Amino acid sequence: MYGAYGELAADLFHDVFSLDTTPRKHLAAVARTALGRSGIGLKAVLSDGWAGVRAL
């Protein structure tokens, strides 16, 4: 869990905060792209997120 989600977060933050000369994309599009590259399914992310909320 820590490896896969850590890489997903790092990839997402790199794409959001990188300072290059390309025009910015919407955050939802960047997140969708990072999720697709990570190999983690959307269902797994939502399930783990819901389990985290329930644990609070």
PDB file of N, CA and C in Angstrom:
ATOM      1  N   MET A   1       0.820  -1.188   0.000  1.00  0.00           N
ATOM      2  CA  MET A   1       0.000   0.000   0.000  1.00  0.00           C
ATOM      3  C   MET A   1       0.867   1.255   0.000  1.00  0.00           C
ATOM      4  N   TYR A   2       1.874   1.286   0.847  1.00  0.00           N
ATOM      5  CA  TYR A   2       2.678   2.507   0.941  1.00  0.00           C
ATOM      6  C   TYR A   2       3.488   2.748  -0.328  1.00  0.00           C
ATOM      7  N   GLY A   3       3.979   1.694  -0.945  1.00  0.00           N
ATOM      8  CA  GLY A   3       4.764   1.846  -2.161  1.00  0.00           C
ATOM      9  C   GLY A   3       3.926   2.331  -3.327  1.00  0.00           C
ATOM     10  N   ALA A   4       2.790   1.691  -3.553  1.00  0.00           N
ATOM     11  CA  ALA A   4       1.953   2.038  -4.700  1.00  0.00           C
ATOM     12  C   ALA A   4       1.322   3.417  -4.531  1.00  0.00           C
ATOM     13  N   TYR A   5       0.783   3.699  -3.363  1.00  0.00           N
ATOM     14  CA  TYR A   5       0.150   5.004  -3.154  1.00  0.00           C
ATOM     15  C   TYR A   5       1.190   6.121  -3.038  1.00  0.00           C
ATOM     16  N   GLY A   6       2.356   5.800  -2.526  1.00  0.00           N
ATOM     17  CA  GLY A   6       3.430   6.788  -2.463  1.00  0.00           C
ATOM     18  C   GLY A   6       3.887   7.197  -3.853  1.00  0.00           C
ATOM     19  N   GLU A   7       4.041   6.209  -4.729  1.00  0.00           N
ATOM     20  CA  GLU A   7       4.423   6.512  -6.104  1.00  0.00           C
ATOM     21  C   GLU A   7       3.323   7.287  -6.825  1.00  0.00           C
ATOM     22  N   LEU A   8       2.077   6.942  -6.562  1.00  0.00           N
ATOM     23  CA  LEU A   8       0.950   7.667  -7.166  1.00  0.00           C
ATOM     24  C   LEU A   8       0.959   9.120  -6.709  1.00  0.00           C
ATOM     25  N   ALA A   9       1.148   9.358  -5.427  1.00  0.00           N
ATOM     26  CA  ALA A   9       1.171  10.727  -4.903  1.00  0.00           C
ATOM     27  C   ALA A   9       2.359  11.499  -5.458  1.00  0.00           C
ATOM     28  N   ALA A  10       3.519  10.863  -5.525  1.00  0.00           N
ATOM     29  CA  ALA A  10       4.699  11.537  -6.061  1.00  0.00           C
ATOM     30  C   ALA A  10       4.512  11.895  -7.528  1.00  0.00           C
ATOM     31  N   ASP A  11       3.935  10.994  -8.292  1.00  0.00           N
ATOM     32  CA  ASP A  11       3.681  11.247  -9.711  1.00  0.00           C
ATOM     33  C   ASP A  11       2.672  12.387  -9.889  1.00  0.00           C
ATOM     34  N   LEU A  12       1.627  12.360  -9.080  1.00  0.00           N
ATOM     35  CA  LEU A  12       0.611  13.406  -9.152  1.00  0.00           C
ATOM     36  C   LEU A  12       1.193  14.767  -8.784  1.00  0.00           C
ATOM     37  N   PHE A  13       1.926  14.842  -7.687  1.00  0.00           N
ATOM     38  CA  PHE A  13       2.509  16.117  -7.265  1.00  0.00           C
ATOM     39  C   PHE A  13       3.557  16.613  -8.254  1.00  0.00           C
ATOM     40  N   HIS A  14       4.308  15.699  -8.853  1.00  0.00           N
ATOM     41  CA  HIS A  14       5.305  16.109  -9.852  1.00  0.00           C
ATOM     42  C   HIS A  14       4.617  16.753 -11.048  1.00  0.00           C
ATOM     43  N   ASP A  15       3.521  16.136 -11.517  1.00  0.00           N
ATOM     44  CA  ASP A  15       2.811  16.688 -12.667  1.00  0.00           C
ATOM     45  C   ASP A  15       2.122  18.004 -12.344  1.00  0.00           C
ATOM     46  N   VAL A  16       1.652  18.161 -11.116  1.00  0.00           N
ATOM     47  CA  VAL A  16       0.947  19.389 -10.744  1.00  0.00           C
ATOM     48  C   VAL A  16       1.928  20.540 -10.529  1.00  0.00           C
ATOM     49  N   PHE A  17       3.050  20.285  -9.876  1.00  0.00           N
ATOM     50  CA  PHE A  17       3.934  21.364  -9.464  1.00  0.00           C
ATOM     51  C   PHE A  17       5.202  21.517 -10.303  1.00  0.00           C
ATOM     52  N   SER A  18       5.330  20.769 -11.403  1.00  0.00           N
ATOM     53  CA  SER A  18       6.527  20.917 -12.235  1.00  0.00           C
ATOM     54  C   SER A  18       6.483  22.254 -12.972  1.00  0.00           C
ATOM     55  N   LEU A  19       7.631  22.875 -13.072  1.00  0.00           N
ATOM     56  CA  LEU A  19       7.724  24.183 -13.706  1.00  0.00           C
ATOM     57  C   LEU A  19       8.337  24.020 -15.095  1.00  0.00           C
ATOM     58  N   ASP A  20       7.513  23.703 -16.054  1.00  0.00           N
ATOM     59  CA  ASP A  20       7.962  23.633 -17.429  1.00  0.00           C
ATOM     60  C   ASP A  20       7.156  24.628 -18.263  1.00  0.00           C
ATOM     61  N   THR A  21       7.384  24.670 -19.529  1.00  0.00           N
ATOM     62  CA  THR A  21       6.744  25.695 -20.365  1.00  0.00           C
ATOM     63  C   THR A  21       5.446  25.227 -21.009  1.00  0.00           C
ATOM     64  N   THR A  22       4.977  24.030 -20.665  1.00  0.00           N
ATOM     65  CA  THR A  22       3.729  23.539 -21.249  1.00  0.00           C
ATOM     66  C   THR A  22       2.533  24.136 -20.511  1.00  0.00           C
ATOM     67  N   PRO A  23       1.418  24.325 -21.201  1.00  0.00           N
ATOM     68  CA  PRO A  23       0.219  24.845 -20.526  1.00  0.00           C
ATOM     69  C   PRO A  23      -0.284  23.866 -19.462  1.00  0.00           C
ATOM     70  N   ARG A  24      -0.867  24.395 -18.428  1.00  0.00           N
ATOM     71  CA  ARG A  24      -1.375  23.573 -17.321  1.00  0.00           C
ATOM     72  C   ARG A  24      -2.644  22.839 -17.730  1.00  0.00           C
ATOM     73  N   LYS A  25      -2.769  21.601 -17.219  1.00  0.00           N
ATOM     74  CA  LYS A  25      -3.982  20.816 -17.411  1.00  0.00           C
ATOM     75  C   LYS A  25      -4.800  20.899 -16.128  1.00  0.00           C
ATOM     76  N   HIS A  26      -6.074  20.605 -16.227  1.00  0.00           N
ATOM     77  CA  HIS A  26      -6.928  20.583 -15.048  1.00  0.00           C
ATOM     78  C   HIS A  26      -6.479  19.473 -14.106  1.00  0.00           C
ATOM     79  N   LEU A  27      -6.692  19.691 -12.834  1.00  0.00           N
ATOM     80  CA  LEU A  27      -6.253  18.739 -11.814  1.00  0.00           C
ATOM     81  C   LEU A  27      -6.895  17.370 -12.013  1.00  0.00           C
ATOM     82  N   ALA A  28      -8.166  17.336 -12.421  1.00  0.00           N
ATOM     83  CA  ALA A  28      -8.834  16.050 -12.633  1.00  0.00           C
ATOM     84  C   ALA A  28      -8.158  15.260 -13.752  1.00  0.00           C
ATOM     85  N   ALA A  29      -7.754  15.941 -14.815  1.00  0.00           N
ATOM     86  CA  ALA A  29      -7.077  15.257 -15.921  1.00  0.00           C
ATOM     87  C   ALA A  29      -5.705  14.756 -15.492  1.00  0.00           C
ATOM     88  N   VAL A  30      -4.997  15.543 -14.707  1.00  0.00           N
ATOM     89  CA  VAL A  30      -3.676  15.130 -14.211  1.00  0.00           C
ATOM     90  C   VAL A  30      -3.832  13.927 -13.279  1.00  0.00           C
ATOM     91  N   ALA A  31      -4.836  13.952 -12.416  1.00  0.00           N
ATOM     92  CA  ALA A  31      -5.068  12.842 -11.484  1.00  0.00           C
ATOM     93  C   ALA A  31      -5.450  11.574 -12.236  1.00  0.00           C
ATOM     94  N   ARG A  32      -6.295  11.694 -13.253  1.00  0.00           N
ATOM     95  CA  ARG A  32      -6.691  10.536 -14.052  1.00  0.00           C
ATOM     96  C   ARG A  32      -5.475   9.917 -14.752  1.00  0.00           C
ATOM     97  N   THR A  33      -4.607  10.773 -15.296  1.00  0.00           N
ATOM     98  CA  THR A  33      -3.406  10.290 -15.968  1.00  0.00           C
ATOM     99  C   THR A  33      -2.472   9.579 -14.990  1.00  0.00           C
ATOM    100  N   ALA A  34      -2.256  10.181 -13.822  1.00  0.00           N
ATOM    101  CA  ALA A  34      -1.382   9.571 -12.811  1.00  0.00           C
ATOM    102  C   ALA A  34      -1.962   8.248 -12.318  1.00  0.00           C
ATOM    103  N   LEU A  35      -3.267   8.180 -12.162  1.00  0.00           N
ATOM    104  CA  LEU A  35      -3.916   6.943 -11.718  1.00  0.00           C
ATOM    105  C   LEU A  35      -3.762   5.858 -12.774  1.00  0.00           C
ATOM    106  N   GLY A  36      -3.874   6.225 -14.030  1.00  0.00           N
ATOM    107  CA  GLY A  36      -3.703   5.250 -15.103  1.00  0.00           C
ATOM    108  C   GLY A  36      -2.283   4.713 -15.176  1.00  0.00           C
ATOM    109  N   ARG A  37      -1.295   5.567 -14.932  1.00  0.00           N
ATOM    110  CA  ARG A  37       0.101   5.131 -14.962  1.00  0.00           C
ATOM    111  C   ARG A  37       0.462   4.293 -13.753  1.00  0.00           C
ATOM    112  N   SER A  38      -0.255   4.457 -12.646  1.00  0.00           N
ATOM    113  CA  SER A  38       0.123   3.769 -11.411  1.00  0.00           C
ATOM    114  C   SER A  38      -0.251   2.295 -11.407  1.00  0.00           C
ATOM    115  N   GLY A  39      -1.278   1.930 -12.139  1.00  0.00           N
ATOM    116  CA  GLY A  39      -1.722   0.542 -12.128  1.00  0.00           C
ATOM    117  C   GLY A  39      -2.700   0.232 -11.013  1.00  0.00           C
ATOM    118  N   ILE A  40      -3.013   1.221 -10.197  1.00  0.00           N
ATOM    119  CA  ILE A  40      -4.012   1.052  -9.139  1.00  0.00           C
ATOM    120  C   ILE A  40      -5.367   1.410  -9.737  1.00  0.00           C
ATOM    121  N   GLY A  41      -6.336   0.588  -9.506  1.00  0.00           N
ATOM    122  CA  GLY A  41      -7.670   0.845 -10.048  1.00  0.00           C
ATOM    123  C   GLY A  41      -8.425   1.889  -9.235  1.00  0.00           C
ATOM    124  N   LEU A  42      -9.331   2.562  -9.897  1.00  0.00           N
ATOM    125  CA  LEU A  42     -10.144   3.577  -9.229  1.00  0.00           C
ATOM    126  C   LEU A  42     -10.974   2.960  -8.109  1.00  0.00           C
ATOM    127  N   LYS A  43     -11.465   1.760  -8.331  1.00  0.00           N
ATOM    128  CA  LYS A  43     -12.262   1.083  -7.308  1.00  0.00           C
ATOM    129  C   LYS A  43     -11.437   0.838  -6.049  1.00  0.00           C
ATOM    130  N   ALA A  44     -10.170   0.465  -6.219  1.00  0.00           N
ATOM    131  CA  ALA A  44      -9.289   0.217  -5.072  1.00  0.00           C
ATOM    132  C   ALA A  44      -9.006   1.511  -4.321  1.00  0.00           C
ATOM    133  N   VAL A  45      -8.794   2.588  -5.041  1.00  0.00           N
ATOM    134  CA  VAL A  45      -8.539   3.884  -4.389  1.00  0.00           C
ATOM    135  C   VAL A  45      -9.760   4.332  -3.597  1.00  0.00           C
ATOM    136  N   LEU A  46     -10.937   4.214  -4.208  1.00  0.00           N
ATOM    137  CA  LEU A  46     -12.158   4.615  -3.508  1.00  0.00           C
ATOM    138  C   LEU A  46     -12.428   3.723  -2.301  1.00  0.00           C
ATOM    139  N   SER A  47     -12.198   2.426  -2.447  1.00  0.00           N
ATOM    140  CA  SER A  47     -12.407   1.495  -1.343  1.00  0.00           C
ATOM    141  C   SER A  47     -11.459   1.790  -0.185  1.00  0.00           C
ATOM    142  N   ASP A  48     -10.191   2.023  -0.484  1.00  0.00           N
ATOM    143  CA  ASP A  48      -9.223   2.337   0.565  1.00  0.00           C
ATOM    144  C   ASP A  48      -9.518   3.698   1.201  1.00  0.00           C
ATOM    145  N   GLY A  49      -9.962   4.643   0.411  1.00  0.00           N
ATOM    146  CA  GLY A  49     -10.333   5.952   0.945  1.00  0.00           C
ATOM    147  C   GLY A  49     -11.521   5.850   1.887  1.00  0.00           C
ATOM    148  N   TRP A  50     -12.515   5.071   1.491  1.00  0.00           N
ATOM    149  CA  TRP A  50     -13.688   4.881   2.341  1.00  0.00           C
ATOM    150  C   TRP A  50     -13.312   4.160   3.651  1.00  0.00           C
ATOM    151  N   ALA A  51     -12.421   3.180   3.550  1.00  0.00           N
ATOM    152  CA  ALA A  51     -11.968   2.471   4.754  1.00  0.00           C
ATOM    153  C   ALA A  51     -11.209   3.434   5.665  1.00  0.00           C
ATOM    154  N   GLY A  52     -10.442   4.349   5.096  1.00  0.00           N
ATOM    155  CA  GLY A  52      -9.745   5.351   5.904  1.00  0.00           C
ATOM    156  C   GLY A  52     -10.686   6.290   6.604  1.00  0.00           C
ATOM    157  N   VAL A  53     -11.747   6.714   5.915  1.00  0.00           N
ATOM    158  CA  VAL A  53     -12.743   7.601   6.517  1.00  0.00           C
ATOM    159  C   VAL A  53     -13.483   6.871   7.642  1.00  0.00           C
ATOM    160  N   ARG A  54     -13.815   5.628   7.414  1.00  0.00           N
ATOM    161  CA  ARG A  54     -14.530   4.857   8.447  1.00  0.00           C
ATOM    162  C   ARG A  54     -13.660   4.624   9.673  1.00  0.00           C
ATOM    163  N   ALA A  55     -12.333   4.567   9.484  1.00  0.00           N
ATOM    164  CA  ALA A  55     -11.427   4.330  10.600  1.00  0.00           C
ATOM    165  C   ALA A  55     -11.327   5.552  11.519  1.00  0.00           C
ATOM    166  N   LEU A  56     -11.676   6.711  10.984  1.00  0.00           N
ATOM    167  CA  LEU A  56     -11.623   7.920  11.827  1.00  0.00           C
ATOM    168  C   LEU A  56     -12.759   7.870  12.785  1.00  0.00           C
TER     169      LEU A  56
END
